[in-house]
PDB file of N, CA and C in Angstrom:
ATOM      1  N   UNK A   1       0.810  -1.190   0.000  1.00  0.00           N
ATOM      2  CA  UNK A   1      -0.004   0.000   0.000  1.00  0.00           C
ATOM      3  C   UNK A   1       0.863   1.262  -0.002  1.00  0.00           C
ATOM      4  N   UNK A   2       1.874   1.326   0.886  1.00  0.00           N
ATOM      5  CA  UNK A   2       2.740   2.508   0.935  1.00  0.00           C
ATOM      6  C   UNK A   2       3.501   2.668  -0.382  1.00  0.00           C
ATOM      7  N   UNK A   3       4.000   1.554  -0.901  1.00  0.00           N
ATOM      8  CA  UNK A   3       4.763   1.591  -2.147  1.00  0.00           C
ATOM      9  C   UNK A   3       3.903   2.147  -3.272  1.00  0.00           C
ATOM     10  N   UNK A   4       2.654   1.699  -3.357  1.00  0.00           N
ATOM     11  CA  UNK A   4       1.734   2.181  -4.382  1.00  0.00           C
ATOM     12  C   UNK A   4       1.475   3.672  -4.210  1.00  0.00           C
ATOM     13  N   UNK A   5       1.250   4.085  -2.971  1.00  0.00           N
ATOM     14  CA  UNK A   5       0.972   5.492  -2.700  1.00  0.00           C
ATOM     15  C   UNK A   5       2.163   6.373  -3.076  1.00  0.00           C
ATOM     16  N   UNK A   6       3.364   5.929  -2.732  1.00  0.00           N
ATOM     17  CA  UNK A   6       4.558   6.690  -3.075  1.00  0.00           C
ATOM     18  C   UNK A   6       4.731   6.759  -4.586  1.00  0.00           C
ATOM     19  N   UNK A   7       4.519   5.635  -5.262  1.00  0.00           N
ATOM     20  CA  UNK A   7       4.617   5.625  -6.728  1.00  0.00           C
ATOM     21  C   UNK A   7       3.616   6.573  -7.370  1.00  0.00           C
ATOM     22  N   UNK A   8       2.451   6.724  -6.784  1.00  0.00           N
ATOM     23  CA  UNK A   8       1.448   7.639  -7.332  1.00  0.00           C
ATOM     24  C   UNK A   8       1.882   9.095  -7.235  1.00  0.00           C
ATOM     25  N   UNK A   9       2.702   9.412  -6.236  1.00  0.00           N
ATOM     26  CA  UNK A   9       3.152  10.801  -6.068  1.00  0.00           C
ATOM     27  C   UNK A   9       4.435  11.100  -6.833  1.00  0.00           C
ATOM     28  N   UNK A  10       5.136  10.074  -7.311  1.00  0.00           N
ATOM     29  CA  UNK A  10       6.446  10.270  -7.955  1.00  0.00           C
ATOM     30  C   UNK A  10       6.434  11.135  -9.214  1.00  0.00           C
ATOM     31  N   UNK A  11       5.411  11.039 -10.071  1.00  0.00           N
ATOM     32  CA  UNK A  11       5.475  11.853 -11.296  1.00  0.00           C
ATOM     33  C   UNK A  11       5.479  13.353 -11.042  1.00  0.00           C
ATOM     34  N   UNK A  12       5.091  13.771  -9.860  1.00  0.00           N
ATOM     35  CA  UNK A  12       4.975  15.201  -9.578  1.00  0.00           C
ATOM     36  C   UNK A  12       6.076  15.666  -8.635  1.00  0.00           C
ATOM     37  N   UNK A  13       6.652  16.812  -8.944  1.00  0.00           N
ATOM     38  CA  UNK A  13       7.618  17.431  -8.042  1.00  0.00           C
ATOM     39  C   UNK A  13       7.021  18.627  -7.339  1.00  0.00           C
ATOM     40  N   UNK A  14       5.702  18.757  -7.397  1.00  0.00           N
ATOM     41  CA  UNK A  14       5.043  19.853  -6.710  1.00  0.00           C
ATOM     42  C   UNK A  14       5.236  19.686  -5.211  1.00  0.00           C
ATOM     43  N   UNK A  15       5.147  20.797  -4.515  1.00  0.00           N
ATOM     44  CA  UNK A  15       5.378  20.797  -3.073  1.00  0.00           C
ATOM     45  C   UNK A  15       4.423  19.848  -2.346  1.00  0.00           C
ATOM     46  N   UNK A  16       3.169  19.832  -2.725  1.00  0.00           N
ATOM     47  CA  UNK A  16       2.191  18.966  -2.053  1.00  0.00           C
ATOM     48  C   UNK A  16       2.552  17.487  -2.238  1.00  0.00           C
ATOM     49  N   UNK A  17       3.039  17.120  -3.416  1.00  0.00           N
ATOM     50  CA  UNK A  17       3.442  15.735  -3.662  1.00  0.00           C
ATOM     51  C   UNK A  17       4.665  15.381  -2.816  1.00  0.00           C
ATOM     52  N   UNK A  18       5.607  16.323  -2.706  1.00  0.00           N
ATOM     53  CA  UNK A  18       6.795  16.062  -1.900  1.00  0.00           C
ATOM     54  C   UNK A  18       6.436  15.936  -0.421  1.00  0.00           C
ATOM     55  N   UNK A  19       5.522  16.758   0.048  1.00  0.00           N
ATOM     56  CA  UNK A  19       5.081  16.655   1.445  1.00  0.00           C
ATOM     57  C   UNK A  19       4.355  15.324   1.682  1.00  0.00           C
ATOM     58  N   UNK A  20       3.553  14.921   0.713  1.00  0.00           N
ATOM     59  CA  UNK A  20       2.836  13.654   0.825  1.00  0.00           C
ATOM     60  C   UNK A  20       3.816  12.497   0.903  1.00  0.00           C
ATOM     61  N   UNK A  21       4.848  12.509   0.064  1.00  0.00           N
ATOM     62  CA  UNK A  21       5.870  11.452   0.118  1.00  0.00           C
ATOM     63  C   UNK A  21       6.567  11.435   1.471  1.00  0.00           C
ATOM     64  N   UNK A  22       6.848  12.610   2.012  1.00  0.00           N
ATOM     65  CA  UNK A  22       7.515  12.685   3.313  1.00  0.00           C
ATOM     66  C   UNK A  22       6.633  12.078   4.407  1.00  0.00           C
ATOM     67  N   UNK A  23       5.358  12.374   4.364  1.00  0.00           N
ATOM     68  CA  UNK A  23       4.423  11.818   5.343  1.00  0.00           C
ATOM     69  C   UNK A  23       4.329  10.301   5.187  1.00  0.00           C
ATOM     70  N   UNK A  24       4.219   9.842   3.952  1.00  0.00           N
ATOM     71  CA  UNK A  24       4.138   8.402   3.700  1.00  0.00           C
ATOM     72  C   UNK A  24       5.388   7.686   4.206  1.00  0.00           C
ATOM     73  N   UNK A  25       6.544   8.284   3.992  1.00  0.00           N
ATOM     74  CA  UNK A  25       7.784   7.688   4.446  1.00  0.00           C
ATOM     75  C   UNK A  25       7.830   7.608   5.975  1.00  0.00           C
ATOM     76  N   UNK A  26       7.384   8.688   6.634  1.00  0.00           N
ATOM     77  CA  UNK A  26       7.366   8.695   8.096  1.00  0.00           C
ATOM     78  C   UNK A  26       6.417   7.617   8.629  1.00  0.00           C
ATOM     79  N   UNK A  27       5.268   7.483   8.008  1.00  0.00           N
ATOM     80  CA  UNK A  27       4.312   6.449   8.424  1.00  0.00           C
ATOM     81  C   UNK A  27       4.866   5.053   8.175  1.00  0.00           C
ATOM     82  N   UNK A  28       5.489   4.872   7.025  1.00  0.00           N
ATOM     83  CA  UNK A  28       6.068   3.573   6.709  1.00  0.00           C
ATOM     84  C   UNK A  28       7.130   3.198   7.738  1.00  0.00           C
ATOM     85  N   UNK A  29       7.957   4.166   8.099  1.00  0.00           N
ATOM     86  CA  UNK A  29       9.009   3.921   9.077  1.00  0.00           C
ATOM     87  C   UNK A  29       8.428   3.481  10.411  1.00  0.00           C
ATOM     88  N   UNK A  30       7.293   4.005  10.765  1.00  0.00           N
ATOM     89  CA  UNK A  30       6.671   3.699  12.049  1.00  0.00           C
ATOM     90  C   UNK A  30       5.949   2.349  12.041  1.00  0.00           C
ATOM     91  N   UNK A  31       5.333   1.976  10.925  1.00  0.00           N
ATOM     92  CA  UNK A  31       4.431   0.828  10.938  1.00  0.00           C
ATOM     93  C   UNK A  31       4.891  -0.404  10.153  1.00  0.00           C
ATOM     94  N   UNK A  32       5.904  -0.307   9.330  1.00  0.00           N
ATOM     95  CA  UNK A  32       6.305  -1.455   8.515  1.00  0.00           C
ATOM     96  C   UNK A  32       7.499  -2.188   9.105  1.00  0.00           C
ATOM     97  N   UNK A  33       7.634  -3.461   8.745  1.00  0.00           N
ATOM     98  CA  UNK A  33       8.789  -4.224   9.206  1.00  0.00           C
ATOM     99  C   UNK A  33       9.968  -3.973   8.265  1.00  0.00           C
ATOM    100  N   UNK A  34      11.118  -4.544   8.607  1.00  0.00           N
ATOM    101  CA  UNK A  34      12.353  -4.254   7.879  1.00  0.00           C
ATOM    102  C   UNK A  34      12.270  -4.609   6.392  1.00  0.00           C
ATOM    103  N   UNK A  35      11.723  -5.748   6.055  1.00  0.00           N
ATOM    104  CA  UNK A  35      11.670  -6.143   4.645  1.00  0.00           C
ATOM    105  C   UNK A  35      10.778  -5.202   3.837  1.00  0.00           C
ATOM    106  N   UNK A  36       9.679  -4.767   4.416  1.00  0.00           N
ATOM    107  CA  UNK A  36       8.820  -3.813   3.734  1.00  0.00           C
ATOM    108  C   UNK A  36       9.518  -2.455   3.602  1.00  0.00           C
ATOM    109  N   UNK A  37      10.243  -2.071   4.648  1.00  0.00           N
ATOM    110  CA  UNK A  37      10.974  -0.800   4.592  1.00  0.00           C
ATOM    111  C   UNK A  37      12.063  -0.827   3.522  1.00  0.00           C
ATOM    112  N   UNK A  38      12.681  -1.974   3.322  1.00  0.00           N
ATOM    113  CA  UNK A  38      13.696  -2.090   2.265  1.00  0.00           C
ATOM    114  C   UNK A  38      13.084  -1.799   0.900  1.00  0.00           C
ATOM    115  N   UNK A  39      11.872  -2.284   0.674  1.00  0.00           N
ATOM    116  CA  UNK A  39      11.181  -1.994  -0.587  1.00  0.00           C
ATOM    117  C   UNK A  39      10.883  -0.511  -0.728  1.00  0.00           C
ATOM    118  N   UNK A  40      10.400   0.068   0.349  1.00  0.00           N
ATOM    119  CA  UNK A  40      10.073   1.501   0.342  1.00  0.00           C
ATOM    120  C   UNK A  40      11.335   2.324   0.108  1.00  0.00           C
ATOM    121  N   UNK A  41      12.428   1.892   0.712  1.00  0.00           N
ATOM    122  CA  UNK A  41      13.688   2.614   0.530  1.00  0.00           C
ATOM    123  C   UNK A  41      14.082   2.652  -0.940  1.00  0.00           C
ATOM    124  N   UNK A  42      13.916   1.564  -1.647  1.00  0.00           N
ATOM    125  CA  UNK A  42      14.227   1.529  -3.077  1.00  0.00           C
ATOM    126  C   UNK A  42      13.361   2.507  -3.859  1.00  0.00           C
ATOM    127  N   UNK A  43      12.083   2.562  -3.504  1.00  0.00           N
ATOM    128  CA  UNK A  43      11.163   3.493  -4.170  1.00  0.00           C
ATOM    129  C   UNK A  43      11.561   4.927  -3.854  1.00  0.00           C
ATOM    130  N   UNK A  44      11.873   5.206  -2.589  1.00  0.00           N
ATOM    131  CA  UNK A  44      12.213   6.563  -2.156  1.00  0.00           C
ATOM    132  C   UNK A  44      13.527   7.034  -2.760  1.00  0.00           C
ATOM    133  N   UNK A  45      14.432   6.115  -3.005  1.00  0.00           N
ATOM    134  CA  UNK A  45      15.741   6.480  -3.542  1.00  0.00           C
ATOM    135  C   UNK A  45      15.609   7.245  -4.852  1.00  0.00           C
ATOM    136  N   UNK A  46      14.565   6.985  -5.584  1.00  0.00           N
ATOM    137  CA  UNK A  46      14.374   7.609  -6.885  1.00  0.00           C
ATOM    138  C   UNK A  46      13.614   8.933  -6.803  1.00  0.00           C
ATOM    139  N   UNK A  47      13.273   9.375  -5.602  1.00  0.00           N
ATOM    140  CA  UNK A  47      12.512  10.613  -5.470  1.00  0.00           C
ATOM    141  C   UNK A  47      13.439  11.754  -5.063  1.00  0.00           C
ATOM    142  N   UNK A  48      12.939  12.963  -5.213  1.00  0.00           N
ATOM    143  CA  UNK A  48      13.709  14.136  -4.793  1.00  0.00           C
ATOM    144  C   UNK A  48      13.940  14.109  -3.285  1.00  0.00           C
ATOM    145  N   UNK A  49      12.920  13.677  -2.534  1.00  0.00           N
ATOM    146  CA  UNK A  49      13.066  13.569  -1.087  1.00  0.00           C
ATOM    147  C   UNK A  49      14.157  12.560  -0.735  1.00  0.00           C
ATOM    148  N   UNK A  50      14.171  11.442  -1.436  1.00  0.00           N
ATOM    149  CA  UNK A  50      15.210  10.435  -1.212  1.00  0.00           C
ATOM    150  C   UNK A  50      16.592  10.997  -1.458  1.00  0.00           C
ATOM    151  N   UNK A  51      16.737  11.760  -2.522  1.00  0.00           N
ATOM    152  CA  UNK A  51      18.021  12.384  -2.825  1.00  0.00           C
ATOM    153  C   UNK A  51      18.406  13.383  -1.746  1.00  0.00           C
ATOM    154  N   UNK A  52      17.431  14.139  -1.266  1.00  0.00           N
ATOM    155  CA  UNK A  52      17.712  15.105  -0.209  1.00  0.00           C
ATOM    156  C   UNK A  52      18.171  14.408   1.070  1.00  0.00           C
ATOM    157  N   UNK A  53      17.527  13.291   1.396  1.00  0.00           N
ATOM    158  CA  UNK A  53      17.932  12.535   2.586  1.00  0.00           C
ATOM    159  C   UNK A  53      19.335  11.977   2.433  1.00  0.00           C
ATOM    160  N   UNK A  54      19.660  11.495   1.255  1.00  0.00           N
ATOM    161  CA  UNK A  54      21.020  10.993   1.006  1.00  0.00           C
ATOM    162  C   UNK A  54      22.045  12.117   1.127  1.00  0.00           C
ATOM    163  N   UNK A  55      21.728  13.262   0.550  1.00  0.00           N
ATOM    164  CA  UNK A  55      22.635  14.413   0.626  1.00  0.00           C
ATOM    165  C   UNK A  55      22.858  14.845   2.074  1.00  0.00           C
ATOM    166  N   UNK A  56      21.776  14.858   2.860  1.00  0.00           N
ATOM    167  CA  UNK A  56      21.897  15.222   4.272  1.00  0.00           C
ATOM    168  C   UNK A  56      22.800  14.237   5.009  1.00  0.00           C
ATOM    169  N   UNK A  57      22.634  12.965   4.729  1.00  0.00           N
ATOM    170  CA  UNK A  57      23.473  11.956   5.370  1.00  0.00           C
ATOM    171  C   UNK A  57      24.935  12.118   5.001  1.00  0.00           C
ATOM    172  N   UNK A  58      25.187  12.451   3.745  1.00  0.00           N
ATOM    173  CA  UNK A  58      26.569  12.657   3.303  1.00  0.00           C
ATOM    174  C   UNK A  58      27.181  13.882   3.987  1.00  0.00           C
ATOM    175  N   UNK A  59      26.393  14.936   4.149  1.00  0.00           N
ATOM    176  CA  UNK A  59      26.900  16.129   4.819  1.00  0.00           C
ATOM    177  C   UNK A  59      27.214  15.842   6.282  1.00  0.00           C
ATOM    178  N   UNK A  60      26.360  15.085   6.935  1.00  0.00           N
ATOM    179  CA  UNK A  60      26.596  14.722   8.334  1.00  0.00           C
ATOM    180  C   UNK A  60      27.904  13.951   8.453  1.00  0.00           C
ATOM    181  N   UNK A  61      28.125  13.025   7.547  1.00  0.00           N
ATOM    182  CA  UNK A  61      29.369  12.233   7.572  1.00  0.00           C
ATOM    183  C   UNK A  61      30.588  13.105   7.289  1.00  0.00           C
ATOM    184  N   UNK A  62      30.472  14.038   6.347  1.00  0.00           N
ATOM    185  CA  UNK A  62      31.587  14.936   6.061  1.00  0.00           C
ATOM    186  C   UNK A  62      31.922  15.786   7.292  1.00  0.00           C
ATOM    187  N   UNK A  63      30.897  16.296   7.959  1.00  0.00           N
ATOM    188  CA  UNK A  63      31.127  17.091   9.169  1.00  0.00           C
ATOM    189  C   UNK A  63      31.822  16.255  10.250  1.00  0.00           C
ATOM    190  N   UNK A  64      31.376  15.027  10.418  1.00  0.00           N
ATOM    191  CA  UNK A  64      32.026  14.144  11.395  1.00  0.00           C
ATOM    192  C   UNK A  64      33.487  13.927  11.047  1.00  0.00           C
ATOM    193  N   UNK A  65      33.762  13.708   9.776  1.00  0.00           N
ATOM    194  CA  UNK A  65      35.137  13.484   9.331  1.00  0.00           C
ATOM    195  C   UNK A  65      36.003  14.706   9.576  1.00  0.00           C
ATOM    196  N   UNK A  66      35.459  15.891   9.305  1.00  0.00           N
ATOM    197  CA  UNK A  66      36.203  17.132   9.543  1.00  0.00           C
ATOM    198  C   UNK A  66      36.543  17.243  11.023  1.00  0.00           C
ATOM    199  N   UNK A  67      35.551  17.049  11.896  1.00  0.00           N
ATOM    200  CA  UNK A  67      35.768  17.179  13.340  1.00  0.00           C
ATOM    201  C   UNK A  67      36.794  16.177  13.846  1.00  0.00           C
ATOM    202  N   UNK A  68      36.684  14.922  13.404  1.00  0.00           N
ATOM    203  CA  UNK A  68      37.617  13.884  13.850  1.00  0.00           C
ATOM    204  C   UNK A  68      39.041  14.189  13.398  1.00  0.00           C
ATOM    205  N   UNK A  69      39.172  14.599  12.144  1.00  0.00           N
ATOM    206  CA  UNK A  69      40.507  14.878  11.618  1.00  0.00           C
ATOM    207  C   UNK A  69      41.122  16.089  12.324  1.00  0.00           C
ATOM    208  N   UNK A  70      40.315  17.117  12.581  1.00  0.00           N
ATOM    209  CA  UNK A  70      40.822  18.282  13.303  1.00  0.00           C
ATOM    210  C   UNK A  70      41.294  17.876  14.702  1.00  0.00           C
ATOM    211  N   UNK A  71      40.504  17.047  15.368  1.00  0.00           N
ATOM    212  CA  UNK A  71      40.838  16.603  16.726  1.00  0.00           C
ATOM    213  C   UNK A  71      42.127  15.768  16.741  1.00  0.00           C
ATOM    214  N   UNK A  72      42.257  14.851  15.771  1.00  0.00           N
ATOM    215  CA  UNK A  72      43.384  13.923  15.770  1.00  0.00           C
ATOM    216  C   UNK A  72      44.671  14.511  15.201  1.00  0.00           C
ATOM    217  N   UNK A  73      44.571  15.596  14.451  1.00  0.00           N
ATOM    218  CA  UNK A  73      45.767  16.158  13.827  1.00  0.00           C
ATOM    219  C   UNK A  73      46.118  17.554  14.313  1.00  0.00           C
ATOM    220  N   UNK A  74      45.172  18.179  15.027  1.00  0.00           N
ATOM    221  CA  UNK A  74      45.326  19.580  15.441  1.00  0.00           C
ATOM    222  C   UNK A  74      45.432  20.525  14.249  1.00  0.00           C
ATOM    223  N   UNK A  75      44.886  20.130  13.122  1.00  0.00           N
ATOM    224  CA  UNK A  75      44.841  21.010  11.956  1.00  0.00           C
ATOM    225  C   UNK A  75      43.732  22.031  12.135  1.00  0.00           C
ATOM    226  N   UNK A  76      43.869  23.134  11.416  1.00  0.00           N
ATOM    227  CA  UNK A  76      42.783  24.112  11.381  1.00  0.00           C
ATOM    228  C   UNK A  76      41.656  23.553  10.516  1.00  0.00           C
ATOM    229  N   UNK A  77      40.522  24.194  10.588  1.00  0.00           N
ATOM    230  CA  UNK A  77      39.397  23.744   9.764  1.00  0.00           C
ATOM    231  C   UNK A  77      39.737  23.886   8.274  1.00  0.00           C
ATOM    232  N   UNK A  78      40.491  24.926   7.934  1.00  0.00           N
ATOM    233  CA  UNK A  78      40.876  25.121   6.529  1.00  0.00           C
ATOM    234  C   UNK A  78      41.806  24.015   6.041  1.00  0.00           C
ATOM    235  N   UNK A  79      42.801  23.688   6.857  1.00  0.00           N
ATOM    236  CA  UNK A  79      43.720  22.610   6.487  1.00  0.00           C
ATOM    237  C   UNK A  79      42.972  21.292   6.332  1.00  0.00           C
ATOM    238  N   UNK A  80      42.045  21.058   7.231  1.00  0.00           N
ATOM    239  CA  UNK A  80      41.276  19.816   7.201  1.00  0.00           C
ATOM    240  C   UNK A  80      40.403  19.745   5.951  1.00  0.00           C
ATOM    241  N   UNK A  81      39.705  20.831   5.642  1.00  0.00           N
ATOM    242  CA  UNK A  81      38.840  20.818   4.456  1.00  0.00           C
ATOM    243  C   UNK A  81      39.669  20.720   3.176  1.00  0.00           C
ATOM    244  N   UNK A  82      40.858  21.316   3.173  1.00  0.00           N
ATOM    245  CA  UNK A  82      41.742  21.164   2.017  1.00  0.00           C
ATOM    246  C   UNK A  82      42.128  19.696   1.846  1.00  0.00           C
ATOM    247  N   UNK A  83      42.517  19.059   2.944  1.00  0.00           N
ATOM    248  CA  UNK A  83      42.950  17.671   2.880  1.00  0.00           C
ATOM    249  C   UNK A  83      41.819  16.752   2.424  1.00  0.00           C
ATOM    250  N   UNK A  84      40.590  17.032   2.868  1.00  0.00           N
ATOM    251  CA  UNK A  84      39.435  16.212   2.495  1.00  0.00           C
ATOM    252  C   UNK A  84      38.826  16.625   1.155  1.00  0.00           C
ATOM    253  N   UNK A  85      39.396  17.662   0.563  1.00  0.00           N
ATOM    254  CA  UNK A  85      38.937  18.164  -0.734  1.00  0.00           C
ATOM    255  C   UNK A  85      37.443  18.511  -0.710  1.00  0.00           C
ATOM    256  N   UNK A  86      37.050  19.229   0.353  1.00  0.00           N
ATOM    257  CA  UNK A  86      35.676  19.686   0.484  1.00  0.00           C
ATOM    258  C   UNK A  86      35.445  20.785  -0.553  1.00  0.00           C
ATOM    259  N   UNK A  87      34.366  20.682  -1.353  1.00  0.00           N
ATOM    260  CA  UNK A  87      34.101  21.709  -2.355  1.00  0.00           C
ATOM    261  C   UNK A  87      33.903  23.087  -1.717  1.00  0.00           C
ATOM    262  N   UNK A  88      34.344  24.107  -2.412  1.00  0.00           N
ATOM    263  CA  UNK A  88      34.269  25.478  -1.907  1.00  0.00           C
ATOM    264  C   UNK A  88      32.852  25.893  -1.521  1.00  0.00           C
ATOM    265  N   UNK A  89      31.856  25.434  -2.280  1.00  0.00           N
ATOM    266  CA  UNK A  89      30.472  25.836  -2.007  1.00  0.00           C
ATOM    267  C   UNK A  89      29.918  25.269  -0.696  1.00  0.00           C
ATOM    268  N   UNK A  90      30.571  24.275  -0.127  1.00  0.00           N
ATOM    269  CA  UNK A  90      30.113  23.689   1.145  1.00  0.00           C
ATOM    270  C   UNK A  90      30.877  24.233   2.347  1.00  0.00           C
ATOM    271  N   UNK A  91      32.011  24.837   2.099  1.00  0.00           N
ATOM    272  CA  UNK A  91      32.912  25.191   3.193  1.00  0.00           C
ATOM    273  C   UNK A  91      32.332  26.198   4.183  1.00  0.00           C
ATOM    274  N   UNK A  92      31.659  27.218   3.688  1.00  0.00           N
ATOM    275  CA  UNK A  92      31.111  28.224   4.588  1.00  0.00           C
ATOM    276  C   UNK A  92      30.061  27.620   5.510  1.00  0.00           C
ATOM    277  N   UNK A  93      29.220  26.783   4.949  1.00  0.00           N
ATOM    278  CA  UNK A  93      28.190  26.109   5.749  1.00  0.00           C
ATOM    279  C   UNK A  93      28.832  25.233   6.814  1.00  0.00           C
ATOM    280  N   UNK A  94      29.866  24.487   6.462  1.00  0.00           N
ATOM    281  CA  UNK A  94      30.549  23.610   7.407  1.00  0.00           C
ATOM    282  C   UNK A  94      31.257  24.418   8.498  1.00  0.00           C
ATOM    283  N   UNK A  95      31.882  25.528   8.099  1.00  0.00           N
ATOM    284  CA  UNK A  95      32.546  26.391   9.085  1.00  0.00           C
ATOM    285  C   UNK A  95      31.544  26.856  10.132  1.00  0.00           C
ATOM    286  N   UNK A  96      30.405  27.355   9.656  1.00  0.00           N
ATOM    287  CA  UNK A  96      29.385  27.853  10.581  1.00  0.00           C
ATOM    288  C   UNK A  96      28.878  26.742  11.495  1.00  0.00           C
ATOM    289  N   UNK A  97      28.651  25.564  10.944  1.00  0.00           N
ATOM    290  CA  UNK A  97      28.126  24.461  11.742  1.00  0.00           C
ATOM    291  C   UNK A  97      29.133  24.016  12.791  1.00  0.00           C
ATOM    292  N   UNK A  98      30.375  23.900  12.418  1.00  0.00           N
ATOM    293  CA  UNK A  98      31.404  23.420  13.358  1.00  0.00           C
ATOM    294  C   UNK A  98      31.678  24.454  14.435  1.00  0.00           C
ATOM    295  N   UNK A  99      31.764  25.721  14.066  1.00  0.00           N
ATOM    296  CA  UNK A  99      32.018  26.774  15.050  1.00  0.00           C
ATOM    297  C   UNK A  99      30.829  26.891  16.012  1.00  0.00           C
ATOM    298  N   UNK A 100      29.619  26.771  15.488  1.00  0.00           N
ATOM    299  CA  UNK A 100      28.416  26.869  16.309  1.00  0.00           C
ATOM    300  C   UNK A 100      28.333  25.719  17.319  1.00  0.00           C
ATOM    301  N   UNK A 101      28.787  24.537  16.943  1.00  0.00           N
ATOM    302  CA  UNK A 101      28.689  23.359  17.818  1.00  0.00           C
ATOM    303  C   UNK A 101      29.850  23.256  18.811  1.00  0.00           C
ATOM    304  N   UNK A 102      30.859  24.070  18.677  1.00  0.00           N
ATOM    305  CA  UNK A 102      32.006  23.993  19.602  1.00  0.00           C
ATOM    306  C   UNK A 102      31.914  25.023  20.699  1.00  0.00           C
TER     307      UNK A 102
END
């Protein structure tokens, strides 16, 4: 049922369709077992919301890597981002996040 509902919203990138997919995903996470969630995950991977969730996860991991490397090497944030080859367009956001959390 969830898979069908998500598939029905996929052709549209309108805000209401994206919100509907987000709600469906949250409900699926709460009520489905692991095997059903694996199916939903495959469906979600192809949506804009799925891509956004993947991007968020990658950013979280990059931030963790920056913090760990800074701690273990005593490098500055700039040296660390240079070493990790963090793209210039992400650096300001990461600087703000790391400084805010310290």
